[in-house]
Amino acid sequence: MSRLRTILAATDLSALARHAVARAALVAADAGARLSLQHVVSVGALDALRHLLNPGAAGLHEKLLEGARGELRALADEMAARYGTQAGIDVVVGPVLQEITAHADSIDADLVVMGARGAGFMRELLIGSTTERVLGRTTRPLLVVKQMAHEHYRRALVPVDFSPRSREALGLAQTVAPHAEFVLLHAFEVPFEGKLRYAGVEESELSVLRINARREATARMNELVASAGMDENRVRRLVVHGEASTQILEQEQEQDCDLIVIGKRGQGLLEEMLLGSVTKHILARSAADVLVADRAVG
């Protein structure tokens, strides 16, 4: 199993974003990883503030930055007290997306942790957009936190399509959630099933095709578990017929999962488009935290 060495938690310092920092600290404590907390002050917002200042009010933006450093330092101290995790802090002014990805690169973060939303409707739009844009740009695994970090992850749902990305996602799941039980899910559909039915193919014939597809997927699932060297007592295998995003969300609830681990893309342009849309749908609709794998942790 790969290991986490460095984790970056980016926060807007809102109450809801503190959940992401707490989860990052808990994961870092488990892994013995270095933790870095970052807050980016939007250069556009700061310029707007400067424009509003009276000539005699110089220094207000410096006070703003100093206040942000104080908040971030207090948050780091709280994480140290709760989880024993010492965290470095980084407060910068600049384009939010660029600063987060640049800092992740500068510390070679094995995992980036962000909240799913900020505080209030407008912040939800802004932070959600930032998280999605970071996801689109970075090649680093991204953990999107939606829940309070009360405990270690208990049960992780890992959708698999048997591509090399599936193996990477499974390895990342074991790294980030070492105490969890794993539910491996493969959702399949018979190619051109709708067209075959429209063309008059009997339901009994379609049933045979589904049985064969399920049998093949089950065999490949067993091979995946064996190749990953997973503890059989901590693995559930699910092979279900249906559309991927629908089945993922249903099984998240039925299996009581608090983490979903999903690849950003599959193989080839078509799979990249399809899995990309599935990933966005899961990020928007799931109740659980979502760990998006794009490359294996070294």
Protein backbone atom coordinates (compact mmCIF):
# COMPACT_ATOMS: atom_id res chain seq x y z
CA MET A 1 0.00 0.00 0.00
CA SER A 2 1.22 3.49 -0.86
CA ARG A 3 1.59 6.06 1.89
CA LEU A 4 0.65 9.68 2.33
CA ARG A 5 3.57 11.99 3.07
CA THR A 6 2.08 15.48 2.64
CA ILE A 7 -1.53 16.71 2.79
CA LEU A 8 -2.77 20.16 1.80
CA ALA A 9 -6.05 21.47 3.25
CA ALA A 10 -7.30 24.62 1.53
CA THR A 11 -9.88 26.57 3.55
CA ASP A 12 -11.88 29.79 3.31
CA LEU A 13 -11.99 29.86 7.15
CA SER A 14 -15.78 29.46 7.22
CA ALA A 15 -17.37 27.21 9.83
CA LEU A 16 -18.34 24.63 7.21
CA ALA A 17 -14.86 24.59 5.69
CA ARG A 18 -13.46 23.63 9.11
CA HIS A 19 -14.88 20.13 8.52
CA ALA A 20 -12.40 19.69 5.68
CA VAL A 21 -9.48 20.82 7.85
CA ALA A 22 -10.52 18.44 10.64
CA ARG A 23 -10.76 15.53 8.20
CA ALA A 24 -7.36 16.42 6.74
CA ALA A 25 -5.86 16.47 10.25
CA LEU A 26 -7.42 13.11 11.12
CA VAL A 27 -6.12 11.50 7.91
CA ALA A 28 -2.69 13.07 8.47
CA ALA A 29 -2.57 11.73 12.03
CA ASP A 30 -3.43 8.23 10.79
CA ALA A 31 -0.81 8.35 8.04
CA GLY A 32 1.91 10.20 9.94
CA ALA A 33 1.81 12.75 7.13
CA ARG A 34 2.84 16.41 7.12
CA LEU A 35 -0.14 18.79 7.03
CA SER A 36 -0.24 22.23 5.42
CA LEU A 37 -3.18 24.61 5.87
CA GLN A 38 -3.70 27.26 3.20
CA HIS A 39 -5.97 30.29 2.97
CA VAL A 40 -6.01 32.33 -0.23
CA VAL A 41 -7.23 35.91 -0.14
CA SER A 42 -8.70 36.62 -3.55
CA VAL A 43 -6.72 39.33 -5.27
CA GLY A 44 -9.89 40.57 -6.96
CA ALA A 45 -11.71 40.98 -3.63
CA LEU A 46 -8.70 42.71 -2.10
CA ASP A 47 -8.46 45.13 -5.02
CA ALA A 48 -12.16 45.92 -4.57
CA LEU A 49 -11.53 46.62 -0.87
CA ARG A 50 -8.64 48.97 -1.69
CA HIS A 51 -10.90 50.83 -4.12
CA LEU A 52 -13.42 51.46 -1.33
CA LEU A 53 -10.87 52.73 1.19
CA ASN A 54 -10.60 56.39 2.06
CA PRO A 55 -7.13 57.87 1.51
CA GLY A 56 -6.51 57.96 5.24
CA ALA A 57 -7.52 54.33 5.80
CA ALA A 58 -4.34 52.75 4.44
CA GLY A 59 -3.31 49.56 6.18
CA LEU A 60 -6.79 48.02 6.42
CA HIS A 61 -5.93 45.25 4.00
CA GLU A 62 -2.77 44.47 6.01
CA LYS A 63 -4.97 44.07 9.07
CA LEU A 64 -7.20 41.76 7.04
CA LEU A 65 -4.24 39.54 6.13
CA GLU A 66 -2.93 39.55 9.68
CA GLY A 67 -6.37 38.54 10.94
CA ALA A 68 -6.47 35.67 8.43
CA ARG A 69 -3.06 34.46 9.61
CA GLY A 70 -4.26 34.57 13.19
CA GLU A 71 -7.39 32.55 12.35
CA LEU A 72 -5.41 29.98 10.41
CA ARG A 73 -2.82 29.67 13.20
CA ALA A 74 -5.61 29.18 15.76
CA LEU A 75 -7.11 26.49 13.54
CA ALA A 76 -3.74 24.76 13.27
CA ASP A 77 -3.37 24.86 17.07
CA GLU A 78 -6.84 23.36 17.48
CA MET A 79 -5.98 20.48 15.12
CA ALA A 80 -2.77 19.85 17.04
CA ALA A 81 -4.72 19.66 20.31
CA ARG A 82 -7.44 17.39 18.90
CA TYR A 83 -5.41 15.04 16.69
CA GLY A 84 -1.77 15.62 17.60
CA THR A 85 -1.15 16.84 14.06
CA GLN A 86 1.24 19.78 13.66
CA ALA A 87 0.36 21.91 10.64
CA GLY A 88 2.20 24.57 8.71
CA ILE A 89 0.18 27.59 7.53
CA ASP A 90 0.21 29.55 4.31
CA VAL A 91 -1.76 32.78 3.76
CA VAL A 92 -1.34 34.35 0.33
CA VAL A 93 -2.98 36.92 -1.90
CA GLY A 94 -3.66 35.94 -5.49
CA PRO A 95 -5.94 34.04 -7.88
CA VAL A 96 -7.47 31.32 -5.71
CA LEU A 97 -7.22 28.43 -8.18
CA GLN A 98 -3.68 29.26 -9.22
CA GLU A 99 -2.43 29.65 -5.64
CA ILE A 100 -3.94 26.37 -4.43
CA THR A 101 -2.53 24.32 -7.29
CA ALA A 102 0.85 26.08 -7.10
CA HIS A 103 1.16 25.42 -3.36
CA ALA A 104 0.15 21.79 -3.85
CA ASP A 105 2.91 21.47 -6.42
CA SER A 106 5.48 23.30 -4.27
CA ILE A 107 5.01 20.91 -1.33
CA ASP A 108 4.35 17.90 -3.61
CA ALA A 109 1.06 17.17 -1.85
CA ASP A 110 -0.08 13.55 -2.06
CA LEU A 111 -3.62 14.65 -1.22
CA VAL A 112 -5.54 17.94 -1.47
CA VAL A 113 -8.51 18.37 0.88
CA MET A 114 -11.26 20.94 0.31
CA GLY A 115 -14.78 21.56 1.53
CA ALA A 116 -17.75 20.99 -0.72
CA ARG A 117 -19.12 24.43 0.09
CA GLY A 118 -18.52 27.55 2.11
CA ALA A 119 -20.93 29.51 4.29
CA GLY A 120 -24.08 30.94 2.76
CA PHE A 121 -25.53 30.76 -0.73
CA MET A 122 -22.97 32.98 -2.45
CA ARG A 123 -20.03 31.24 -0.80
CA GLU A 124 -21.51 27.88 -1.75
CA LEU A 125 -21.43 28.93 -5.38
CA LEU A 126 -17.88 30.29 -5.12
CA ILE A 127 -16.35 27.44 -3.14
CA GLY A 128 -18.17 24.80 -5.17
CA SER A 129 -16.82 26.40 -8.31
CA THR A 130 -13.31 26.58 -6.86
CA THR A 131 -13.37 22.93 -5.81
CA GLU A 132 -14.54 21.82 -9.24
CA ARG A 133 -11.94 23.98 -10.99
CA VAL A 134 -9.15 22.58 -8.78
CA LEU A 135 -10.42 19.12 -9.65
CA GLY A 136 -10.26 19.99 -13.33
CA ARG A 137 -6.69 21.30 -13.15
CA THR A 138 -4.82 19.16 -10.62
CA THR A 139 -3.44 15.68 -11.20
CA ARG A 140 -3.36 15.09 -7.45
CA PRO A 141 -6.00 13.14 -5.51
CA LEU A 142 -8.67 15.48 -4.16
CA LEU A 143 -10.81 14.75 -1.10
CA VAL A 144 -14.05 16.77 -1.09
CA VAL A 145 -15.43 16.89 2.45
CA LYS A 146 -19.15 17.19 3.13
CA GLN A 147 -19.50 15.75 6.64
CA MET A 148 -18.10 16.48 10.08
CA ALA A 149 -15.05 14.35 10.90
CA HIS A 150 -16.49 12.60 13.95
CA GLU A 151 -14.47 9.41 13.43
CA HIS A 152 -12.35 7.44 10.97
CA TYR A 153 -14.07 6.52 7.74
CA ARG A 154 -16.16 3.41 8.45
CA ARG A 155 -17.22 2.22 5.00
CA ALA A 156 -15.91 3.33 1.61
CA LEU A 157 -17.75 2.75 -1.66
CA VAL A 158 -15.34 2.21 -4.56
CA PRO A 159 -16.98 2.04 -8.02
CA VAL A 160 -14.77 0.08 -10.42
CA ASP A 161 -14.75 -0.40 -14.18
CA PHE A 162 -11.66 -2.70 -14.17
CA SER A 163 -9.47 -0.16 -15.96
CA PRO A 164 -6.02 0.59 -14.48
CA ARG A 165 -7.67 3.64 -12.89
CA SER A 166 -9.83 1.30 -10.82
CA ARG A 167 -6.76 -0.34 -9.32
CA GLU A 168 -5.29 3.08 -8.52
CA ALA A 169 -8.54 4.25 -6.92
CA LEU A 170 -8.67 1.11 -4.79
CA GLY A 171 -5.11 1.62 -3.60
CA LEU A 172 -5.85 5.24 -2.76
CA ALA A 173 -8.96 4.20 -0.83
CA GLN A 174 -6.91 1.89 1.36
CA THR A 175 -4.35 4.66 1.94
CA VAL A 176 -6.81 7.39 2.93
CA ALA A 177 -9.26 5.14 4.80
CA PRO A 178 -7.08 2.41 6.37
CA HIS A 179 -9.70 1.48 9.01
CA ALA A 180 -12.66 1.23 6.63
CA GLU A 181 -14.62 -1.63 5.19
CA PHE A 182 -14.66 -1.45 1.39
CA VAL A 183 -17.68 -1.91 -0.86
CA LEU A 184 -16.57 -2.53 -4.43
CA LEU A 185 -19.29 -1.70 -6.93
CA HIS A 186 -19.47 -2.48 -10.63
CA ALA A 187 -22.55 -1.22 -12.48
CA PHE A 188 -22.99 -2.76 -15.92
CA GLU A 189 -25.32 -2.35 -18.85
CA VAL A 190 -25.59 -4.65 -21.86
CA PRO A 191 -24.25 -2.73 -24.89
CA PHE A 192 -27.10 -1.41 -27.07
CA GLU A 193 -29.68 -3.02 -24.76
CA GLY A 194 -32.28 -0.38 -25.52
CA LYS A 195 -31.76 -0.67 -29.27
CA LEU A 196 -31.92 -4.46 -29.08
CA ARG A 197 -35.22 -4.28 -27.21
CA TYR A 198 -36.56 -1.76 -29.73
CA ALA A 199 -35.47 -4.09 -32.54
CA GLY A 200 -37.67 -6.83 -31.10
CA VAL A 201 -35.13 -8.96 -29.24
CA GLU A 202 -36.99 -11.07 -26.68
CA GLU A 203 -36.62 -10.25 -22.99
CA SER A 204 -35.42 -13.81 -22.38
CA GLU A 205 -32.52 -13.24 -24.78
CA LEU A 206 -31.65 -9.95 -23.11
CA SER A 207 -31.74 -11.72 -19.75
CA VAL A 208 -29.14 -14.20 -20.99
CA LEU A 209 -26.91 -11.32 -22.07
CA ARG A 210 -27.25 -9.73 -18.63
CA ILE A 211 -26.43 -13.02 -16.90
CA ASN A 212 -23.29 -13.41 -19.03
CA ALA A 213 -22.24 -9.82 -18.39
CA ARG A 214 -22.74 -10.27 -14.63
CA ARG A 215 -20.74 -13.52 -14.64
CA GLU A 216 -17.83 -11.88 -16.48
CA ALA A 217 -17.87 -8.83 -14.19
CA THR A 218 -17.93 -11.00 -11.06
CA ALA A 219 -14.88 -12.90 -12.25
CA ARG A 220 -13.03 -9.66 -12.95
CA MET A 221 -14.06 -8.29 -9.56
CA ASN A 222 -12.56 -11.34 -7.85
CA GLU A 223 -9.35 -10.90 -9.83
CA LEU A 224 -9.17 -7.22 -8.80
CA VAL A 225 -9.57 -8.04 -5.10
CA ALA A 226 -6.93 -10.77 -5.32
CA SER A 227 -4.45 -8.53 -7.16
CA ALA A 228 -4.93 -5.79 -4.57
CA GLY A 229 -4.15 -8.20 -1.71
CA MET A 230 -7.19 -7.01 0.23
CA ASP A 231 -8.44 -8.51 3.48
CA GLU A 232 -11.47 -10.59 2.46
CA ASN A 233 -13.14 -9.82 5.78
CA ARG A 234 -13.20 -6.10 4.91
CA VAL A 235 -14.49 -6.34 1.33
CA ARG A 236 -17.99 -6.52 -0.09
CA ARG A 237 -18.49 -7.11 -3.82
CA LEU A 238 -21.51 -5.72 -5.66
CA VAL A 239 -22.20 -6.32 -9.34
CA VAL A 240 -25.44 -4.60 -10.34
CA HIS A 241 -27.28 -3.89 -13.55
CA GLY A 242 -27.99 -0.24 -14.23
CA GLU A 243 -26.63 3.21 -14.97
CA ALA A 244 -23.46 3.99 -13.03
CA SER A 245 -24.27 7.27 -11.27
CA THR A 246 -27.73 6.09 -10.22
CA GLN A 247 -26.34 2.85 -8.78
CA ILE A 248 -23.52 4.66 -6.97
CA LEU A 249 -25.92 7.00 -5.20
CA GLU A 250 -28.33 4.17 -4.35
CA GLN A 251 -25.60 1.96 -2.93
CA GLU A 252 -24.10 4.87 -0.99
CA GLN A 253 -27.36 4.94 0.97
CA GLU A 254 -28.08 1.20 1.08
CA GLN A 255 -24.58 0.31 2.26
CA ASP A 256 -24.37 3.30 4.66
CA CYS A 257 -21.09 4.58 3.20
CA ASP A 258 -19.39 7.71 4.49
CA LEU A 259 -16.80 7.91 1.67
CA ILE A 260 -16.99 7.40 -2.08
CA VAL A 261 -13.74 6.88 -4.00
CA ILE A 262 -14.02 7.48 -7.72
CA GLY A 263 -11.67 7.99 -10.64
CA LYS A 264 -11.72 11.30 -12.46
CA ARG A 265 -11.69 9.59 -15.83
CA GLY A 266 -11.36 6.22 -17.51
CA GLN A 267 -9.48 5.22 -20.64
CA GLY A 268 -9.99 6.91 -23.98
CA LEU A 269 -11.93 10.04 -24.92
CA LEU A 270 -15.41 8.49 -24.65
CA GLU A 271 -14.81 6.94 -21.22
CA GLU A 272 -13.19 10.17 -20.04
CA MET A 273 -16.32 12.09 -21.00
CA LEU A 274 -18.70 9.56 -19.45
CA LEU A 275 -16.81 9.05 -16.20
CA GLY A 276 -16.16 12.76 -15.96
CA SER A 277 -19.91 13.38 -16.02
CA VAL A 278 -20.46 10.59 -13.46
CA THR A 279 -17.84 12.12 -11.15
CA LYS A 280 -19.47 15.56 -11.35
CA HIS A 281 -22.89 14.04 -10.66
CA ILE A 282 -21.60 12.18 -7.61
CA LEU A 283 -19.87 15.30 -6.29
CA ALA A 284 -23.12 17.24 -6.59
CA ARG A 285 -25.56 14.62 -5.28
CA SER A 286 -23.82 12.42 -2.73
CA ALA A 287 -24.11 12.88 1.02
CA ALA A 288 -20.77 11.18 1.67
CA ASP A 289 -17.33 12.69 1.28
CA VAL A 290 -15.87 12.08 -2.18
CA LEU A 291 -12.26 11.14 -2.88
CA VAL A 292 -11.36 11.71 -6.53
CA ALA A 293 -8.37 9.71 -7.73
CA ASP A 294 -6.35 10.96 -10.68
CA ARG A 295 -2.98 9.35 -10.04
CA ALA A 296 -1.62 6.86 -7.56
CA VAL A 297 0.06 8.09 -4.39
CA GLY A 298 3.78 7.42 -4.66
